[in-house]
PDB file of N, CA and C in Angstrom:
ATOM      1  N   MET A   1     151.928  18.261  91.366  1.00  0.00           N
ATOM      2  CA  MET A   1     150.560  18.719  91.349  1.00  0.00           C
ATOM      3  C   MET A   1     150.227  19.331  92.702  1.00  0.00           C
ATOM      4  N   GLY A   2     149.588  20.485  92.681  1.00  0.00           N
ATOM      5  CA  GLY A   2     149.253  21.165  93.918  1.00  0.00           C
ATOM      6  C   GLY A   2     148.018  20.572  94.581  1.00  0.00           C
ATOM      7  N   LYS A   3     147.830  20.942  95.836  1.00  0.00           N
ATOM      8  CA  LYS A   3     146.684  20.481  96.594  1.00  0.00           C
ATOM      9  C   LYS A   3     145.440  21.244  96.141  1.00  0.00           C
ATOM     10  N   VAL A   4     144.338  20.552  95.946  1.00  0.00           N
ATOM     11  CA  VAL A   4     143.092  21.175  95.513  1.00  0.00           C
ATOM     12  C   VAL A   4     142.360  21.687  96.747  1.00  0.00           C
ATOM     13  N   GLU A   5     142.033  22.968  96.728  1.00  0.00           N
ATOM     14  CA  GLU A   5     141.285  23.604  97.814  1.00  0.00           C
ATOM     15  C   GLU A   5     139.868  23.830  97.301  1.00  0.00           C
ATOM     16  N   LYS A   6     138.864  23.382  98.040  1.00  0.00           N
ATOM     17  CA  LYS A   6     137.481  23.564  97.623  1.00  0.00           C
ATOM     18  C   LYS A   6     136.899  24.773  98.343  1.00  0.00           C
ATOM     19  N   ILE A   7     136.291  25.668  97.566  1.00  0.00           N
ATOM     20  CA  ILE A   7     135.697  26.883  98.119  1.00  0.00           C
ATOM     21  C   ILE A   7     134.193  26.783  97.923  1.00  0.00           C
ATOM     22  N   ALA A   8     133.482  26.553  99.024  1.00  0.00           N
ATOM     23  CA  ALA A   8     132.037  26.388  98.980  1.00  0.00           C
ATOM     24  C   ALA A   8     131.350  27.747  99.007  1.00  0.00           C
ATOM     25  N   GLY A   9     130.049  27.742  98.806  1.00  0.00           N
ATOM     26  CA  GLY A   9     129.296  28.978  98.907  1.00  0.00           C
ATOM     27  C   GLY A   9     128.292  29.172  97.807  1.00  0.00           C
ATOM     28  N   GLY A  10     128.452  28.505  96.699  1.00  0.00           N
ATOM     29  CA  GLY A  10     127.520  28.630  95.588  1.00  0.00           C
ATOM     30  C   GLY A  10     126.836  27.304  95.361  1.00  0.00           C
ATOM     31  N   MET A  11     126.338  27.127  94.159  1.00  0.00           N
ATOM     32  CA  MET A  11     125.698  25.856  93.816  1.00  0.00           C
ATOM     33  C   MET A  11     126.715  24.720  93.803  1.00  0.00           C
ATOM     34  N   HIS A  12     127.911  25.002  93.276  1.00  0.00           N
ATOM     35  CA  HIS A  12     128.974  24.008  93.206  1.00  0.00           C
ATOM     36  C   HIS A  12     130.244  24.637  93.764  1.00  0.00           C
ATOM     37  N   PRO A  13     131.006  23.906  94.585  1.00  0.00           N
ATOM     38  CA  PRO A  13     132.241  24.487  95.122  1.00  0.00           C
ATOM     39  C   PRO A  13     133.285  24.677  94.031  1.00  0.00           C
ATOM     40  N   LEU A  14     133.996  25.810  94.088  1.00  0.00           N
ATOM     41  CA  LEU A  14     135.112  26.033  93.174  1.00  0.00           C
ATOM     42  C   LEU A  14     136.287  25.182  93.638  1.00  0.00           C
ATOM     43  N   ARG A  15     137.080  24.689  92.693  1.00  0.00           N
ATOM     44  CA  ARG A  15     138.277  23.915  93.013  1.00  0.00           C
ATOM     45  C   ARG A  15     139.485  24.760  92.628  1.00  0.00           C
ATOM     46  N   VAL A  16     140.332  25.077  93.606  1.00  0.00           N
ATOM     47  CA  VAL A  16     141.450  25.990  93.398  1.00  0.00           C
ATOM     48  C   VAL A  16     142.763  25.252  93.646  1.00  0.00           C
ATOM     49  N   THR A  17     143.694  25.395  92.690  1.00  0.00           N
ATOM     50  CA  THR A  17     145.034  24.831  92.814  1.00  0.00           C
ATOM     51  C   THR A  17     146.035  25.969  92.673  1.00  0.00           C
ATOM     52  N   ARG A  18     147.016  26.031  93.570  1.00  0.00           N
ATOM     53  CA  ARG A  18     148.033  27.084  93.540  1.00  0.00           C
ATOM     54  C   ARG A  18     149.402  26.460  93.288  1.00  0.00           C
ATOM     55  N   ARG A  19     150.195  27.123  92.427  1.00  0.00           N
ATOM     56  CA  ARG A  19     151.569  26.686  92.159  1.00  0.00           C
ATOM     57  C   ARG A  19     152.515  27.855  92.312  1.00  0.00           C
ATOM     58  N   LYS A  20     153.675  27.598  92.895  1.00  0.00           N
ATOM     59  CA  LYS A  20     154.704  28.624  93.024  1.00  0.00           C
ATOM     60  C   LYS A  20     155.457  28.764  91.707  1.00  0.00           C
ATOM     61  N   GLY A  21     156.039  29.945  91.490  1.00  0.00           N
ATOM     62  CA  GLY A  21     156.884  30.141  90.321  1.00  0.00           C
ATOM     63  C   GLY A  21     158.175  29.353  90.472  1.00  0.00           C
ATOM     64  N   ARG A  22     158.780  28.968  89.336  1.00  0.00           N
ATOM     65  CA  ARG A  22     160.014  28.183  89.386  1.00  0.00           C
ATOM     66  C   ARG A  22     160.998  28.693  88.349  1.00  0.00           C
ATOM     67  N   ILE A  23     162.272  28.582  88.667  1.00  0.00           N
ATOM     68  CA  ILE A  23     163.327  28.875  87.699  1.00  0.00           C
ATOM     69  C   ILE A  23     163.769  27.538  87.123  1.00  0.00           C
ATOM     70  N   LEU A  24     163.578  27.372  85.816  1.00  0.00           N
ATOM     71  CA  LEU A  24     163.907  26.109  85.160  1.00  0.00           C
ATOM     72  C   LEU A  24     165.344  26.078  84.677  1.00  0.00           C
ATOM     73  N   SER A  25     165.836  27.219  84.211  1.00  0.00           N
ATOM     74  CA  SER A  25     167.208  27.348  83.750  1.00  0.00           C
ATOM     75  C   SER A  25     167.539  28.845  83.804  1.00  0.00           C
ATOM     76  N   PRO A  26     168.773  29.235  83.494  1.00  0.00           N
ATOM     77  CA  PRO A  26     169.094  30.661  83.527  1.00  0.00           C
ATOM     78  C   PRO A  26     168.252  31.504  82.568  1.00  0.00           C
ATOM     79  N   THR A  27     167.684  30.896  81.545  1.00  0.00           N
ATOM     80  CA  THR A  27     166.895  31.664  80.575  1.00  0.00           C
ATOM     81  C   THR A  27     165.407  31.335  80.591  1.00  0.00           C
ATOM     82  N   ARG A  28     164.986  30.354  81.385  1.00  0.00           N
ATOM     83  CA  ARG A  28     163.578  29.966  81.424  1.00  0.00           C
ATOM     84  C   ARG A  28     163.060  29.912  82.849  1.00  0.00           C
ATOM     85  N   SER A  29     161.815  30.357  83.018  1.00  0.00           N
ATOM     86  CA  SER A  29     161.169  30.255  84.318  1.00  0.00           C
ATOM     87  C   SER A  29     159.660  30.172  84.113  1.00  0.00           C
ATOM     88  N   THR A  30     158.942  29.791  85.149  1.00  0.00           N
ATOM     89  CA  THR A  30     157.486  29.776  85.101  1.00  0.00           C
ATOM     90  C   THR A  30     156.964  30.715  86.177  1.00  0.00           C
ATOM     91  N   SER A  31     155.886  31.389  85.884  1.00  0.00           N
ATOM     92  CA  SER A  31     155.268  32.289  86.857  1.00  0.00           C
ATOM     93  C   SER A  31     154.416  31.484  87.824  1.00  0.00           C
ATOM     94  N   ALA A  32     154.160  32.092  88.973  1.00  0.00           N
ATOM     95  CA  ALA A  32     153.241  31.478  89.918  1.00  0.00           C
ATOM     96  C   ALA A  32     151.859  31.452  89.277  1.00  0.00           C
ATOM     97  N   ARG A  33     151.051  30.451  89.644  1.00  0.00           N
ATOM     98  CA  ARG A  33     149.760  30.291  88.993  1.00  0.00           C
ATOM     99  C   ARG A  33     148.689  29.881  89.989  1.00  0.00           C
ATOM    100  N   VAL A  34     147.499  30.392  89.767  1.00  0.00           N
ATOM    101  CA  VAL A  34     146.305  29.930  90.466  1.00  0.00           C
ATOM    102  C   VAL A  34     145.368  29.406  89.384  1.00  0.00           C
ATOM    103  N   ARG A  35     144.921  28.174  89.508  1.00  0.00           N
ATOM    104  CA  ARG A  35     143.957  27.607  88.565  1.00  0.00           C
ATOM    105  C   ARG A  35     142.645  27.391  89.313  1.00  0.00           C
ATOM    106  N   VAL A  36     141.570  27.959  88.766  1.00  0.00           N
ATOM    107  CA  VAL A  36     140.246  27.829  89.352  1.00  0.00           C
ATOM    108  C   VAL A  36     139.416  26.963  88.409  1.00  0.00           C
ATOM    109  N   LYS A  37     138.874  25.871  88.941  1.00  0.00           N
ATOM    110  CA  LYS A  37     138.049  24.971  88.145  1.00  0.00           C
ATOM    111  C   LYS A  37     136.612  25.046  88.633  1.00  0.00           C
ATOM    112  N   CYS A  38     135.707  24.882  87.691  1.00  0.00           N
ATOM    113  CA  CYS A  38     134.284  24.833  88.004  1.00  0.00           C
ATOM    114  C   CYS A  38     134.016  23.588  88.856  1.00  0.00           C
ATOM    115  N   GLY A  39     133.028  23.651  89.722  1.00  0.00           N
ATOM    116  CA  GLY A  39     132.702  22.507  90.561  1.00  0.00           C
ATOM    117  C   GLY A  39     131.882  21.447  89.863  1.00  0.00           C
ATOM    118  N   CYS A  40     131.298  21.783  88.688  1.00  0.00           N
ATOM    119  CA  CYS A  40     130.414  20.818  88.032  1.00  0.00           C
ATOM    120  C   CYS A  40     130.920  20.354  86.667  1.00  0.00           C
ATOM    121  N   CYS A  41     131.986  20.985  86.139  1.00  0.00           N
ATOM    122  CA  CYS A  41     132.470  20.588  84.813  1.00  0.00           C
ATOM    123  C   CYS A  41     133.984  20.788  84.749  1.00  0.00           C
ATOM    124  N   LYS A  42     134.555  20.757  83.550  1.00  0.00           N
ATOM    125  CA  LYS A  42     136.001  20.842  83.383  1.00  0.00           C
ATOM    126  C   LYS A  42     136.495  22.229  82.997  1.00  0.00           C
ATOM    127  N   GLU A  43     135.628  23.253  83.010  1.00  0.00           N
ATOM    128  CA  GLU A  43     136.036  24.608  82.653  1.00  0.00           C
ATOM    129  C   GLU A  43     137.031  25.143  83.691  1.00  0.00           C
ATOM    130  N   THR A  44     138.065  25.892  83.217  1.00  0.00           N
ATOM    131  CA  THR A  44     139.079  26.427  84.119  1.00  0.00           C
ATOM    132  C   THR A  44     139.392  27.876  83.784  1.00  0.00           C
ATOM    133  N   VAL A  45     139.938  28.563  84.775  1.00  0.00           N
ATOM    134  CA  VAL A  45     140.501  29.897  84.607  1.00  0.00           C
ATOM    135  C   VAL A  45     141.908  29.833  85.181  1.00  0.00           C
ATOM    136  N   ASP A  46     142.905  30.172  84.363  1.00  0.00           N
ATOM    137  CA  ASP A  46     144.296  30.201  84.814  1.00  0.00           C
ATOM    138  C   ASP A  46     144.705  31.641  85.047  1.00  0.00           C
ATOM    139  N   ILE A  47     145.252  31.904  86.240  1.00  0.00           N
ATOM    140  CA  ILE A  47     145.713  33.242  86.595  1.00  0.00           C
ATOM    141  C   ILE A  47     147.198  33.138  86.930  1.00  0.00           C
ATOM    142  N   TYR A  48     148.047  33.728  86.092  1.00  0.00           N
ATOM    143  CA  TYR A  48     149.490  33.766  86.327  1.00  0.00           C
ATOM    144  C   TYR A  48     149.818  35.107  86.958  1.00  0.00           C
ATOM    145  N   HIS A  49     150.699  35.089  87.973  1.00  0.00           N
ATOM    146  CA  HIS A  49     150.988  36.330  88.687  1.00  0.00           C
ATOM    147  C   HIS A  49     152.429  36.360  89.177  1.00  0.00           C
ATOM    148  N   ASP A  50     152.881  37.572  89.504  1.00  0.00           N
ATOM    149  CA  ASP A  50     154.189  37.742  90.132  1.00  0.00           C
ATOM    150  C   ASP A  50     154.028  37.449  91.611  1.00  0.00           C
ATOM    151  N   GLU A  51     154.993  36.772  92.198  1.00  0.00           N
ATOM    152  CA  GLU A  51     154.899  36.466  93.628  1.00  0.00           C
ATOM    153  C   GLU A  51     155.256  37.665  94.494  1.00  0.00           C
ATOM    154  N   ASN A  52     156.020  38.611  93.962  1.00  0.00           N
ATOM    155  CA  ASN A  52     156.405  39.817  94.693  1.00  0.00           C
ATOM    156  C   ASN A  52     155.529  40.964  94.190  1.00  0.00           C
ATOM    157  N   LEU A  53     154.576  41.389  94.981  1.00  0.00           N
ATOM    158  CA  LEU A  53     153.606  42.398  94.557  1.00  0.00           C
ATOM    159  C   LEU A  53     153.862  43.749  95.222  1.00  0.00           C
ATOM    160  N   ASP A  54     155.134  44.181  95.301  1.00  0.00           N
ATOM    161  CA  ASP A  54     155.463  45.434  95.975  1.00  0.00           C
ATOM    162  C   ASP A  54     154.925  46.662  95.249  1.00  0.00           C
ATOM    163  N   ASP A  55     154.975  46.693  93.934  1.00  0.00           N
ATOM    164  CA  ASP A  55     154.538  47.855  93.167  1.00  0.00           C
ATOM    165  C   ASP A  55     153.456  47.441  92.178  1.00  0.00           C
ATOM    166  N   PRO A  56     152.154  47.632  92.516  1.00  0.00           N
ATOM    167  CA  PRO A  56     151.085  47.146  91.656  1.00  0.00           C
ATOM    168  C   PRO A  56     151.006  47.829  90.297  1.00  0.00           C
ATOM    169  N   GLN A  57     151.684  48.955  90.094  1.00  0.00           N
ATOM    170  CA  GLN A  57     151.669  49.614  88.788  1.00  0.00           C
ATOM    171  C   GLN A  57     152.482  48.844  87.748  1.00  0.00           C
ATOM    172  N   PHE A  58     153.468  48.063  88.188  1.00  0.00           N
ATOM    173  CA  PHE A  58     154.346  47.372  87.252  1.00  0.00           C
ATOM    174  C   PHE A  58     154.202  45.855  87.281  1.00  0.00           C
ATOM    175  N   ASN A  59     153.562  45.302  88.300  1.00  0.00           N
ATOM    176  CA  ASN A  59     153.343  43.861  88.349  1.00  0.00           C
ATOM    177  C   ASN A  59     152.089  43.519  87.566  1.00  0.00           C
ATOM    178  N   THR A  60     152.114  42.389  86.908  1.00  0.00           N
ATOM    179  CA  THR A  60     151.015  42.040  86.021  1.00  0.00           C
ATOM    180  C   THR A  60     150.325  40.756  86.455  1.00  0.00           C
ATOM    181  N   LEU A  61     149.094  40.611  86.014  1.00  0.00           N
ATOM    182  CA  LEU A  61     148.336  39.380  86.123  1.00  0.00           C
ATOM    183  C   LEU A  61     147.960  38.962  84.705  1.00  0.00           C
ATOM    184  N   GLU A  62     148.039  37.684  84.446  1.00  0.00           N
ATOM    185  CA  GLU A  62     147.558  37.154  83.177  1.00  0.00           C
ATOM    186  C   GLU A  62     146.391  36.236  83.506  1.00  0.00           C
ATOM    187  N   ILE A  63     145.205  36.606  83.059  1.00  0.00           N
ATOM    188  CA  ILE A  63     144.008  35.818  83.325  1.00  0.00           C
ATOM    189  C   ILE A  63     143.512  35.268  81.994  1.00  0.00           C
ATOM    190  N   ASN A  64     143.592  33.955  81.848  1.00  0.00           N
ATOM    191  CA  ASN A  64     143.222  33.258  80.603  1.00  0.00           C
ATOM    192  C   ASN A  64     143.830  33.898  79.370  1.00  0.00           C
ATOM    193  N   GLY A  65     145.086  34.283  79.454  1.00  0.00           N
ATOM    194  CA  GLY A  65     145.806  34.809  78.301  1.00  0.00           C
ATOM    195  C   GLY A  65     145.752  36.318  78.146  1.00  0.00           C
ATOM    196  N   VAL A  66     144.974  37.013  78.971  1.00  0.00           N
ATOM    197  CA  VAL A  66     144.873  38.472  78.885  1.00  0.00           C
ATOM    198  C   VAL A  66     145.778  39.066  79.967  1.00  0.00           C
ATOM    199  N   VAL A  67     146.778  39.873  79.558  1.00  0.00           N
ATOM    200  CA  VAL A  67     147.759  40.438  80.486  1.00  0.00           C
ATOM    201  C   VAL A  67     147.393  41.887  80.794  1.00  0.00           C
ATOM    202  N   GLY A  68     147.415  42.228  82.085  1.00  0.00           N
ATOM    203  CA  GLY A  68     147.171  43.600  82.511  1.00  0.00           C
ATOM    204  C   GLY A  68     147.847  43.833  83.848  1.00  0.00           C
ATOM    205  N   THR A  69     148.030  45.107  84.206  1.00  0.00           N
ATOM    206  CA  THR A  69     148.612  45.408  85.514  1.00  0.00           C
ATOM    207  C   THR A  69     147.568  45.134  86.590  1.00  0.00           C
ATOM    208  N   ILE A  70     148.045  45.021  87.805  1.00  0.00           N
ATOM    209  CA  ILE A  70     147.136  44.797  88.924  1.00  0.00           C
ATOM    210  C   ILE A  70     146.148  45.951  89.030  1.00  0.00           C
ATOM    211  N   ALA A  71     146.611  47.174  88.787  1.00  0.00           N
ATOM    212  CA  ALA A  71     145.716  48.338  88.846  1.00  0.00           C
ATOM    213  C   ALA A  71     144.614  48.222  87.790  1.00  0.00           C
ATOM    214  N   GLN A  72     144.945  47.747  86.585  1.00  0.00           N
ATOM    215  CA  GLN A  72     143.934  47.577  85.544  1.00  0.00           C
ATOM    216  C   GLN A  72     142.919  46.500  85.922  1.00  0.00           C
ATOM    217  N   TRP A  73     143.392  45.368  86.429  1.00  0.00           N
ATOM    218  CA  TRP A  73     142.475  44.307  86.833  1.00  0.00           C
ATOM    219  C   TRP A  73     141.605  44.759  87.998  1.00  0.00           C
ATOM    220  N   ARG A  74     142.171  45.530  88.912  1.00  0.00           N
ATOM    221  CA  ARG A  74     141.383  46.046  90.036  1.00  0.00           C
ATOM    222  C   ARG A  74     140.241  46.924  89.534  1.00  0.00           C
ATOM    223  N   GLU A  75     140.526  47.747  88.530  1.00  0.00           N
ATOM    224  CA  GLU A  75     139.509  48.634  87.974  1.00  0.00           C
ATOM    225  C   GLU A  75     138.393  47.833  87.285  1.00  0.00           C
ATOM    226  N   VAL A  76     138.763  46.732  86.630  1.00  0.00           N
ATOM    227  CA  VAL A  76     137.772  45.908  85.937  1.00  0.00           C
ATOM    228  C   VAL A  76     136.989  45.029  86.909  1.00  0.00           C
ATOM    229  N   LEU A  77     137.699  44.321  87.797  1.00  0.00           N
ATOM    230  CA  LEU A  77     137.058  43.328  88.655  1.00  0.00           C
ATOM    231  C   LEU A  77     136.518  43.888  89.968  1.00  0.00           C
ATOM    232  N   GLY A  78     137.054  45.008  90.434  1.00  0.00           N
ATOM    233  CA  GLY A  78     136.609  45.592  91.701  1.00  0.00           C
ATOM    234  C   GLY A  78     135.108  45.793  91.782  1.00  0.00           C
ATOM    235  N   PRO A  79     134.497  46.513  90.837  1.00  0.00           N
ATOM    236  CA  PRO A  79     133.046  46.705  90.893  1.00  0.00           C
ATOM    237  C   PRO A  79     132.256  45.398  90.795  1.00  0.00           C
ATOM    238  N   LEU A  80     132.757  44.432  90.019  1.00  0.00           N
ATOM    239  CA  LEU A  80     132.071  43.148  89.911  1.00  0.00           C
ATOM    240  C   LEU A  80     132.083  42.377  91.225  1.00  0.00           C
ATOM    241  N   LEU A  81     133.130  42.603  92.026  1.00  0.00           N
ATOM    242  CA  LEU A  81     133.267  41.917  93.308  1.00  0.00           C
ATOM    243  C   LEU A  81     132.675  42.712  94.467  1.00  0.00           C
ATOM    244  N   GLY A  82     132.045  43.837  94.169  1.00  0.00           N
ATOM    245  CA  GLY A  82     131.375  44.614  95.207  1.00  0.00           C
ATOM    246  C   GLY A  82     132.257  45.639  95.888  1.00  0.00           C
ATOM    247  N   PHE A  83     133.306  46.114  95.223  1.00  0.00           N
ATOM    248  CA  PHE A  83     134.164  47.145  95.786  1.00  0.00           C
ATOM    249  C   PHE A  83     133.961  48.445  95.016  1.00  0.00           C
ATOM    250  N   ARG A  84     134.177  49.556  95.701  1.00  0.00           N
ATOM    251  CA  ARG A  84     134.122  50.851  95.021  1.00  0.00           C
ATOM    252  C   ARG A  84     135.383  51.629  95.346  1.00  0.00           C
ATOM    253  N   GLU A  85     135.764  52.457  94.386  1.00  0.00           N
ATOM    254  CA  GLU A  85     136.975  53.258  94.520  1.00  0.00           C
ATOM    255  C   GLU A  85     136.661  54.488  95.361  1.00  0.00           C
ATOM    256  N   VAL A  86     137.525  54.786  96.329  1.00  0.00           N
ATOM    257  CA  VAL A  86     137.365  55.964  97.186  1.00  0.00           C
ATOM    258  C   VAL A  86     138.623  56.809  97.055  1.00  0.00           C
ATOM    259  N   ARG A  87     138.444  58.077  96.725  1.00  0.00           N
ATOM    260  CA  ARG A  87     139.586  58.985  96.553  1.00  0.00           C
ATOM    261  C   ARG A  87     139.664  59.920  97.749  1.00  0.00           C
ATOM    262  N   HIS A  88     140.838  59.985  98.374  1.00  0.00           N
ATOM    263  CA  HIS A  88     141.093  60.851  99.519  1.00  0.00           C
ATOM    264  C   HIS A  88     142.174  61.860  99.138  1.00  0.00           C
ATOM    265  N   SER A  89     141.995  63.105  99.537  1.00  0.00           N
ATOM    266  CA  SER A  89     143.021  64.113  99.305  1.00  0.00           C
ATOM    267  C   SER A  89     143.480  64.649 100.649  1.00  0.00           C
ATOM    268  N   THR A  90     144.757  64.419 100.949  1.00  0.00           N
ATOM    269  CA  THR A  90     145.340  64.899 102.191  1.00  0.00           C
ATOM    270  C   THR A  90     146.551  65.752 101.850  1.00  0.00           C
ATOM    271  N   ASN A  91     146.525  67.014 102.239  1.00  0.00           N
ATOM    272  CA  ASN A  91     147.621  67.950 101.965  1.00  0.00           C
ATOM    273  C   ASN A  91     147.977  67.972 100.479  1.00  0.00           C
ATOM    274  N   GLY A  92     146.971  67.913  99.624  1.00  0.00           N
ATOM    275  CA  GLY A  92     147.204  67.977  98.191  1.00  0.00           C
ATOM    276  C   GLY A  92     147.673  66.687  97.556  1.00  0.00           C
ATOM    277  N   VAL A  93     147.765  65.602  98.349  1.00  0.00           N
ATOM    278  CA  VAL A  93     148.192  64.303  97.832  1.00  0.00           C
ATOM    279  C   VAL A  93     146.959  63.423  97.689  1.00  0.00           C
ATOM    280  N   LEU A  94     146.718  62.956  96.459  1.00  0.00           N
ATOM    281  CA  LEU A  94     145.559  62.115  96.184  1.00  0.00           C
ATOM    282  C   LEU A  94     145.909  60.664  96.469  1.00  0.00           C
ATOM    283  N   LYS A  95     145.065  60.018  97.270  1.00  0.00           N
ATOM    284  CA  LYS A  95     145.253  58.607  97.581  1.00  0.00           C
ATOM    285  C   LYS A  95     143.973  57.871  97.201  1.00  0.00           C
ATOM    286  N   VAL A  96     144.120  56.755  96.513  1.00  0.00           N
ATOM    287  CA  VAL A  96     142.975  55.967  96.072  1.00  0.00           C
ATOM    288  C   VAL A  96     142.962  54.667  96.864  1.00  0.00           C
ATOM    289  N   THR A  97     141.818  54.362  97.466  1.00  0.00           N
ATOM    290  CA  THR A  97     141.630  53.100  98.174  1.00  0.00           C
ATOM    291  C   THR A  97     140.356  52.436  97.667  1.00  0.00           C
ATOM    292  N   TRP A  98     140.158  51.200  98.057  1.00  0.00           N
ATOM    293  CA  TRP A  98     138.965  50.461  97.679  1.00  0.00           C
ATOM    294  C   TRP A  98     138.277  50.003  98.929  1.00  0.00           C
ATOM    295  N   GLU A  99     136.957  50.144  98.974  1.00  0.00           N
ATOM    296  CA  GLU A  99     136.200  49.649 100.136  1.00  0.00           C
ATOM    297  C   GLU A  99     135.032  48.809  99.652  1.00  0.00           C
ATOM    298  N   SER A 100     134.626  47.873 100.481  1.00  0.00           N
ATOM    299  CA  SER A 100     133.564  46.950 100.111  1.00  0.00           C
ATOM    300  C   SER A 100     132.212  47.628 100.228  1.00  0.00           C
ATOM    301  N   ARG A 101     131.356  47.372  99.251  1.00  0.00           N
ATOM    302  CA  ARG A 101     129.974  47.836  99.320  1.00  0.00           C
ATOM    303  C   ARG A 101     129.089  46.776  99.928  1.00  0.00           C
ATOM    304  N   ILE A 102     129.645  45.604 100.173  1.00  0.00           N
ATOM    305  CA  ILE A 102     128.906  44.487 100.719  1.00  0.00           C
ATOM    306  C   ILE A 102     129.308  44.296 102.172  1.00  0.00           C
ATOM    307  N   ASP A 103     128.340  44.177 103.035  1.00  0.00           N
ATOM    308  CA  ASP A 103     128.633  43.969 104.479  1.00  0.00           C
ATOM    309  C   ASP A 103     128.828  42.525 104.808  1.00  0.00           C
TER     310      ASP A 103
END
């Protein structure tokens, strides 16, 4: 069992547990996981992820059973978390970054 980290800041602190991925056998393995629990009840959100995030186009996150690429989750969750997409064009090469709208 992982160590529970409490994240304060709201009405109730979130309880976060992190687990590393493991190889169980040559044909079975478990992904790394972050479990977020509500501070006042037993509701949870499980986030399974790849530990090597070199290429976000091909690495995936599974949040409560919904699988998507990191780029897809960024597009969905970024605005909710106060980030906006910024597109830069340098020498005809388009680069997309995210910046916080919250100071």
